[in-house]
Amino acid sequence: MEAKYKELIELHRLKFSAVVDADRLLPILEIAETLSNAEVTEINKLTVNKERVDKILDILLNKDNLAFKGLCFALENTYPHLLTVMFLGNSQRTTSASGSDVRPASIASDSEEDVLRRCHSS
């Protein structure tokens, strides 16, 4: 997976694992062949949702760009607002250690259509 996609996932990992229900994502990721049956079985052995979501992200980070596309597809179908908020590169700013403003990494411009187009063309 390209570094820019990994950065986005890591940037939003805490929020993602706090609000996403693994049971909603897993069937879509499995049907889309983003996750194998063995990977889904491994994830399902975990009992805490946060751990399951973190495991999904860990597995996806070690795959190619199609895994990011699969994640976008799953989010589009289950949590469209998260797809928009997390991967649009909204204008929220953070302050770096040096005190200067830093914008989070983004893969898209300011429209949801751009994000969806990029997810579908990855």
N, C-alpha and C. Protein backbone atom coordinates (compact mmCIF):
# COMPACT_ATOMS: atom_id res chain seq x y z
N MET A 1 0.84 -1.17 0.00
CA MET A 1 0.00 0.00 0.00
C MET A 1 0.89 1.24 0.00
N GLU A 2 0.48 2.22 -0.78
CA GLU A 2 1.25 3.46 -0.86
C GLU A 2 1.29 4.17 0.49
N ALA A 3 2.39 4.86 0.72
CA ALA A 3 2.60 5.55 2.00
C ALA A 3 1.49 6.54 2.32
N LYS A 4 0.97 7.24 1.31
CA LYS A 4 -0.06 8.25 1.59
C LYS A 4 -1.34 7.61 2.13
N TYR A 5 -1.66 6.41 1.67
CA TYR A 5 -2.84 5.70 2.18
C TYR A 5 -2.58 5.19 3.59
N LYS A 6 -1.38 4.68 3.82
CA LYS A 6 -1.02 4.22 5.16
C LYS A 6 -1.09 5.37 6.17
N GLU A 7 -0.59 6.54 5.76
CA GLU A 7 -0.62 7.72 6.63
C GLU A 7 -2.05 8.07 7.01
N LEU A 8 -2.95 8.04 6.05
CA LEU A 8 -4.35 8.37 6.33
C LEU A 8 -4.97 7.39 7.31
N ILE A 9 -4.70 6.13 7.10
CA ILE A 9 -5.25 5.12 8.01
C ILE A 9 -4.69 5.31 9.42
N GLU A 10 -3.39 5.51 9.53
CA GLU A 10 -2.78 5.70 10.85
C GLU A 10 -3.25 7.00 11.50
N LEU A 11 -3.43 8.05 10.71
CA LEU A 11 -3.88 9.34 11.23
C LEU A 11 -5.25 9.20 11.90
N HIS A 12 -6.10 8.37 11.35
CA HIS A 12 -7.46 8.24 11.85
C HIS A 12 -7.72 6.93 12.60
N ARG A 13 -6.68 6.18 12.89
CA ARG A 13 -6.83 4.85 13.51
C ARG A 13 -7.63 4.89 14.81
N LEU A 14 -7.31 5.80 15.72
CA LEU A 14 -7.98 5.83 17.02
C LEU A 14 -9.48 6.10 16.87
N LYS A 15 -9.81 7.09 16.06
CA LYS A 15 -11.21 7.41 15.85
C LYS A 15 -11.92 6.26 15.15
N PHE A 16 -11.26 5.71 14.17
CA PHE A 16 -11.82 4.60 13.40
C PHE A 16 -12.14 3.42 14.30
N SER A 17 -11.17 3.03 15.12
CA SER A 17 -11.39 1.86 15.98
C SER A 17 -12.38 2.14 17.10
N ALA A 18 -12.63 3.41 17.40
CA ALA A 18 -13.59 3.75 18.44
C ALA A 18 -15.03 3.72 17.95
N VAL A 19 -15.25 3.99 16.66
CA VAL A 19 -16.63 4.13 16.17
C VAL A 19 -17.08 3.04 15.20
N VAL A 20 -16.15 2.33 14.60
CA VAL A 20 -16.51 1.34 13.58
C VAL A 20 -16.81 -0.01 14.24
N ASP A 21 -17.86 -0.64 13.77
CA ASP A 21 -18.23 -1.99 14.22
C ASP A 21 -17.65 -2.99 13.22
N ALA A 22 -16.74 -3.81 13.69
CA ALA A 22 -16.07 -4.79 12.81
C ALA A 22 -17.08 -5.70 12.12
N ASP A 23 -18.16 -6.02 12.79
CA ASP A 23 -19.17 -6.91 12.20
C ASP A 23 -19.85 -6.31 10.98
N ARG A 24 -19.85 -5.00 10.87
CA ARG A 24 -20.43 -4.36 9.69
C ARG A 24 -19.45 -4.34 8.52
N LEU A 25 -18.15 -4.22 8.82
CA LEU A 25 -17.14 -4.14 7.76
C LEU A 25 -16.73 -5.50 7.22
N LEU A 26 -16.58 -6.47 8.10
CA LEU A 26 -16.03 -7.77 7.71
C LEU A 26 -16.73 -8.43 6.52
N PRO A 27 -18.05 -8.52 6.51
CA PRO A 27 -18.69 -9.19 5.37
C PRO A 27 -18.39 -8.50 4.04
N ILE A 28 -18.37 -7.19 4.04
CA ILE A 28 -18.10 -6.46 2.80
C ILE A 28 -16.66 -6.67 2.36
N LEU A 29 -15.73 -6.59 3.31
CA LEU A 29 -14.32 -6.80 2.97
C LEU A 29 -14.06 -8.22 2.50
N GLU A 30 -14.80 -9.18 3.04
CA GLU A 30 -14.63 -10.57 2.62
C GLU A 30 -15.24 -10.80 1.24
N ILE A 31 -16.44 -10.31 1.02
CA ILE A 31 -17.10 -10.48 -0.28
C ILE A 31 -16.29 -9.82 -1.39
N ALA A 32 -15.71 -8.66 -1.09
CA ALA A 32 -14.89 -7.94 -2.07
C ALA A 32 -13.51 -8.57 -2.23
N GLU A 33 -13.25 -9.63 -1.48
CA GLU A 33 -11.96 -10.33 -1.49
C GLU A 33 -10.80 -9.44 -1.06
N THR A 34 -11.12 -8.44 -0.24
CA THR A 34 -10.09 -7.60 0.36
C THR A 34 -9.44 -8.36 1.50
N LEU A 35 -10.25 -9.16 2.20
CA LEU A 35 -9.76 -10.05 3.25
C LEU A 35 -10.08 -11.48 2.87
N SER A 36 -9.16 -12.37 3.15
CA SER A 36 -9.38 -13.80 2.86
C SER A 36 -10.22 -14.43 3.97
N ASN A 37 -10.72 -15.62 3.72
CA ASN A 37 -11.47 -16.36 4.74
C ASN A 37 -10.61 -16.58 5.98
N ALA A 38 -9.35 -16.90 5.78
CA ALA A 38 -8.44 -17.14 6.90
C ALA A 38 -8.24 -15.87 7.73
N GLU A 39 -8.12 -14.72 7.06
CA GLU A 39 -7.95 -13.45 7.77
C GLU A 39 -9.21 -13.11 8.57
N VAL A 40 -10.37 -13.34 7.98
CA VAL A 40 -11.63 -13.08 8.69
C VAL A 40 -11.75 -14.00 9.91
N THR A 41 -11.37 -15.26 9.76
CA THR A 41 -11.39 -16.20 10.88
C THR A 41 -10.47 -15.72 11.99
N GLU A 42 -9.28 -15.26 11.62
CA GLU A 42 -8.32 -14.75 12.59
C GLU A 42 -8.89 -13.54 13.34
N ILE A 43 -9.54 -12.64 12.61
CA ILE A 43 -10.14 -11.45 13.22
C ILE A 43 -11.28 -11.85 14.14
N ASN A 44 -12.09 -12.81 13.72
CA ASN A 44 -13.24 -13.23 14.51
C ASN A 44 -12.86 -13.94 15.80
N LYS A 45 -11.62 -14.38 15.93
CA LYS A 45 -11.16 -15.00 17.18
C LYS A 45 -11.03 -13.96 18.29
N LEU A 46 -10.87 -12.70 17.91
CA LEU A 46 -10.77 -11.62 18.89
C LEU A 46 -12.16 -11.28 19.39
N THR A 47 -12.27 -10.93 20.67
CA THR A 47 -13.60 -10.68 21.25
C THR A 47 -13.92 -9.20 21.43
N VAL A 48 -12.93 -8.37 21.53
CA VAL A 48 -13.15 -6.93 21.75
C VAL A 48 -13.19 -6.23 20.39
N ASN A 49 -14.23 -5.45 20.14
CA ASN A 49 -14.41 -4.81 18.85
C ASN A 49 -13.20 -3.96 18.46
N LYS A 50 -12.67 -3.17 19.40
CA LYS A 50 -11.52 -2.31 19.08
C LYS A 50 -10.35 -3.14 18.58
N GLU A 51 -10.10 -4.26 19.22
CA GLU A 51 -9.01 -5.15 18.80
C GLU A 51 -9.28 -5.71 17.40
N ARG A 52 -10.53 -6.03 17.13
CA ARG A 52 -10.90 -6.57 15.82
C ARG A 52 -10.69 -5.51 14.73
N VAL A 53 -11.11 -4.29 15.00
CA VAL A 53 -10.94 -3.21 14.01
C VAL A 53 -9.45 -2.93 13.81
N ASP A 54 -8.69 -2.89 14.90
CA ASP A 54 -7.24 -2.68 14.77
C ASP A 54 -6.60 -3.79 13.94
N LYS A 55 -7.05 -5.02 14.13
CA LYS A 55 -6.51 -6.15 13.36
C LYS A 55 -6.85 -6.00 11.88
N ILE A 56 -8.07 -5.57 11.58
CA ILE A 56 -8.45 -5.31 10.19
C ILE A 56 -7.49 -4.30 9.58
N LEU A 57 -7.27 -3.19 10.29
CA LEU A 57 -6.39 -2.15 9.77
C LEU A 57 -4.96 -2.66 9.61
N ASP A 58 -4.47 -3.43 10.59
CA ASP A 58 -3.12 -3.98 10.50
C ASP A 58 -2.96 -4.86 9.26
N ILE A 59 -3.95 -5.69 9.01
CA ILE A 59 -3.90 -6.58 7.84
C ILE A 59 -3.94 -5.76 6.55
N LEU A 60 -4.85 -4.79 6.49
CA LEU A 60 -4.98 -3.98 5.28
C LEU A 60 -3.71 -3.19 4.98
N LEU A 61 -3.04 -2.69 6.02
CA LEU A 61 -1.82 -1.91 5.82
C LEU A 61 -0.71 -2.71 5.16
N ASN A 62 -0.77 -4.03 5.28
CA ASN A 62 0.25 -4.89 4.68
C ASN A 62 -0.14 -5.42 3.31
N LYS A 63 -1.21 -4.87 2.76
CA LYS A 63 -1.66 -5.29 1.43
C LYS A 63 -1.40 -4.17 0.42
N ASP A 64 -1.82 -4.39 -0.82
CA ASP A 64 -1.59 -3.40 -1.86
C ASP A 64 -2.68 -2.33 -1.86
N ASN A 65 -2.63 -1.44 -2.85
CA ASN A 65 -3.59 -0.34 -2.93
C ASN A 65 -5.03 -0.81 -3.08
N LEU A 66 -5.23 -2.01 -3.60
CA LEU A 66 -6.60 -2.52 -3.72
C LEU A 66 -7.25 -2.70 -2.35
N ALA A 67 -6.44 -2.93 -1.34
CA ALA A 67 -6.98 -3.06 0.01
C ALA A 67 -7.55 -1.72 0.48
N PHE A 68 -6.88 -0.63 0.14
CA PHE A 68 -7.41 0.69 0.49
C PHE A 68 -8.71 0.94 -0.25
N LYS A 69 -8.75 0.54 -1.51
CA LYS A 69 -9.98 0.67 -2.30
C LYS A 69 -11.10 -0.13 -1.65
N GLY A 70 -10.79 -1.34 -1.20
CA GLY A 70 -11.78 -2.18 -0.53
C GLY A 70 -12.28 -1.54 0.76
N LEU A 71 -11.38 -0.92 1.51
CA LEU A 71 -11.78 -0.22 2.73
C LEU A 71 -12.70 0.94 2.39
N CYS A 72 -12.36 1.70 1.37
CA CYS A 72 -13.22 2.81 0.94
C CYS A 72 -14.60 2.30 0.55
N PHE A 73 -14.64 1.20 -0.19
CA PHE A 73 -15.91 0.61 -0.61
C PHE A 73 -16.73 0.19 0.60
N ALA A 74 -16.08 -0.46 1.56
CA ALA A 74 -16.79 -0.90 2.77
C ALA A 74 -17.32 0.29 3.56
N LEU A 75 -16.51 1.33 3.67
CA LEU A 75 -16.96 2.53 4.39
C LEU A 75 -18.09 3.23 3.65
N GLU A 76 -17.99 3.28 2.34
CA GLU A 76 -19.04 3.92 1.54
C GLU A 76 -20.39 3.26 1.80
N ASN A 77 -20.38 1.96 2.02
CA ASN A 77 -21.61 1.20 2.23
C ASN A 77 -22.07 1.15 3.69
N THR A 78 -21.17 1.35 4.63
CA THR A 78 -21.53 1.21 6.04
C THR A 78 -21.42 2.50 6.84
N TYR A 79 -20.41 3.28 6.56
CA TYR A 79 -20.15 4.52 7.29
C TYR A 79 -19.76 5.63 6.30
N PRO A 80 -20.68 6.05 5.43
CA PRO A 80 -20.30 7.04 4.41
C PRO A 80 -19.79 8.35 5.01
N HIS A 81 -20.31 8.72 6.18
CA HIS A 81 -19.84 9.95 6.82
C HIS A 81 -18.37 9.82 7.24
N LEU A 82 -17.95 8.64 7.67
CA LEU A 82 -16.54 8.44 8.04
C LEU A 82 -15.64 8.52 6.83
N LEU A 83 -16.08 7.96 5.72
CA LEU A 83 -15.30 8.06 4.49
C LEU A 83 -15.06 9.52 4.16
N THR A 84 -16.11 10.31 4.26
CA THR A 84 -16.01 11.73 3.95
C THR A 84 -15.10 12.46 4.94
N VAL A 85 -15.34 12.29 6.22
CA VAL A 85 -14.60 13.01 7.25
C VAL A 85 -13.14 12.58 7.31
N MET A 86 -12.89 11.29 7.27
CA MET A 86 -11.54 10.80 7.47
C MET A 86 -10.65 10.93 6.24
N PHE A 87 -11.20 10.71 5.07
CA PHE A 87 -10.35 10.65 3.89
C PHE A 87 -10.49 11.82 2.94
N LEU A 88 -11.25 12.84 3.34
CA LEU A 88 -11.36 14.04 2.50
C LEU A 88 -10.21 15.00 2.71
N GLY A 89 -9.48 14.88 3.81
CA GLY A 89 -8.44 15.86 4.08
C GLY A 89 -9.07 17.17 4.49
N ASN A 90 -10.03 17.09 5.43
CA ASN A 90 -10.74 18.29 5.85
C ASN A 90 -9.76 19.33 6.36
N SER A 91 -10.24 20.50 6.62
CA SER A 91 -9.36 21.62 6.90
C SER A 91 -8.93 21.71 8.36
N GLN A 92 -9.10 20.63 9.13
CA GLN A 92 -8.64 20.69 10.51
C GLN A 92 -7.12 20.79 10.51
N ARG A 93 -6.60 21.56 11.46
CA ARG A 93 -5.17 21.77 11.55
C ARG A 93 -4.67 21.29 12.90
N THR A 94 -3.43 20.87 12.89
CA THR A 94 -2.78 20.52 14.15
C THR A 94 -1.50 21.33 14.23
N THR A 95 -0.93 21.41 15.41
CA THR A 95 0.29 22.17 15.59
C THR A 95 1.45 21.21 15.77
N SER A 96 2.52 21.44 15.02
CA SER A 96 3.70 20.59 15.13
C SER A 96 4.50 20.98 16.36
N ALA A 97 5.53 20.21 16.65
CA ALA A 97 6.38 20.48 17.81
C ALA A 97 7.05 21.85 17.71
N SER A 98 7.29 22.33 16.49
CA SER A 98 7.93 23.63 16.31
C SER A 98 6.94 24.78 16.43
N GLY A 99 5.64 24.45 16.56
CA GLY A 99 4.63 25.48 16.72
C GLY A 99 3.97 25.92 15.44
N SER A 100 4.37 25.36 14.31
CA SER A 100 3.76 25.75 13.05
C SER A 100 2.55 24.88 12.75
N ASP A 101 1.62 25.42 11.98
CA ASP A 101 0.42 24.66 11.61
C ASP A 101 0.78 23.58 10.62
N VAL A 102 0.19 22.40 10.82
CA VAL A 102 0.40 21.27 9.93
C VAL A 102 -0.96 20.74 9.54
N ARG A 103 -1.17 20.51 8.25
CA ARG A 103 -2.42 19.91 7.79
C ARG A 103 -2.22 18.42 7.65
N PRO A 104 -3.21 17.63 8.03
CA PRO A 104 -3.10 16.19 7.86
C PRO A 104 -2.95 15.82 6.40
N ALA A 105 -2.32 14.68 6.17
CA ALA A 105 -2.16 14.20 4.80
C ALA A 105 -3.52 13.95 4.17
N SER A 106 -3.62 14.17 2.88
CA SER A 106 -4.88 14.00 2.19
C SER A 106 -4.65 13.32 0.86
N ILE A 107 -5.62 12.54 0.42
CA ILE A 107 -5.52 11.93 -0.89
C ILE A 107 -6.42 12.61 -1.89
N ALA A 108 -7.22 13.57 -1.42
CA ALA A 108 -8.22 14.15 -2.31
C ALA A 108 -8.40 15.63 -2.06
N SER A 109 -9.16 16.24 -2.95
CA SER A 109 -9.50 17.64 -2.79
C SER A 109 -10.67 17.77 -1.84
N ASP A 110 -11.43 18.85 -1.95
CA ASP A 110 -12.47 19.12 -0.98
C ASP A 110 -13.85 18.60 -1.35
N SER A 111 -13.97 17.63 -2.23
CA SER A 111 -15.30 17.14 -2.54
C SER A 111 -15.39 15.64 -2.32
N GLU A 112 -16.55 15.19 -1.87
CA GLU A 112 -16.76 13.76 -1.62
C GLU A 112 -16.63 12.97 -2.91
N GLU A 113 -17.07 13.56 -4.02
CA GLU A 113 -16.97 12.88 -5.31
C GLU A 113 -15.52 12.56 -5.65
N ASP A 114 -14.61 13.47 -5.34
CA ASP A 114 -13.19 13.23 -5.60
C ASP A 114 -12.69 12.04 -4.80
N VAL A 115 -13.09 11.95 -3.53
CA VAL A 115 -12.65 10.84 -2.69
C VAL A 115 -13.17 9.53 -3.26
N LEU A 116 -14.44 9.51 -3.57
CA LEU A 116 -15.03 8.28 -4.08
C LEU A 116 -14.40 7.89 -5.41
N ARG A 117 -14.14 8.86 -6.27
CA ARG A 117 -13.51 8.59 -7.56
C ARG A 117 -12.12 7.99 -7.34
N ARG A 118 -11.36 8.55 -6.41
CA ARG A 118 -10.02 8.03 -6.15
C ARG A 118 -10.07 6.64 -5.55
N CYS A 119 -11.01 6.42 -4.65
CA CYS A 119 -11.14 5.09 -4.05
C CYS A 119 -11.48 4.06 -5.11
N HIS A 120 -12.35 4.41 -6.03
CA HIS A 120 -12.78 3.46 -7.06
C HIS A 120 -11.75 3.28 -8.16
N SER A 121 -10.81 4.22 -8.29
CA SER A 121 -9.82 4.11 -9.37
C SER A 121 -8.47 3.62 -8.88
N SER A 122 -8.32 3.39 -7.57
CA SER A 122 -7.03 2.94 -7.02
C SER A 122 -6.67 1.57 -7.53
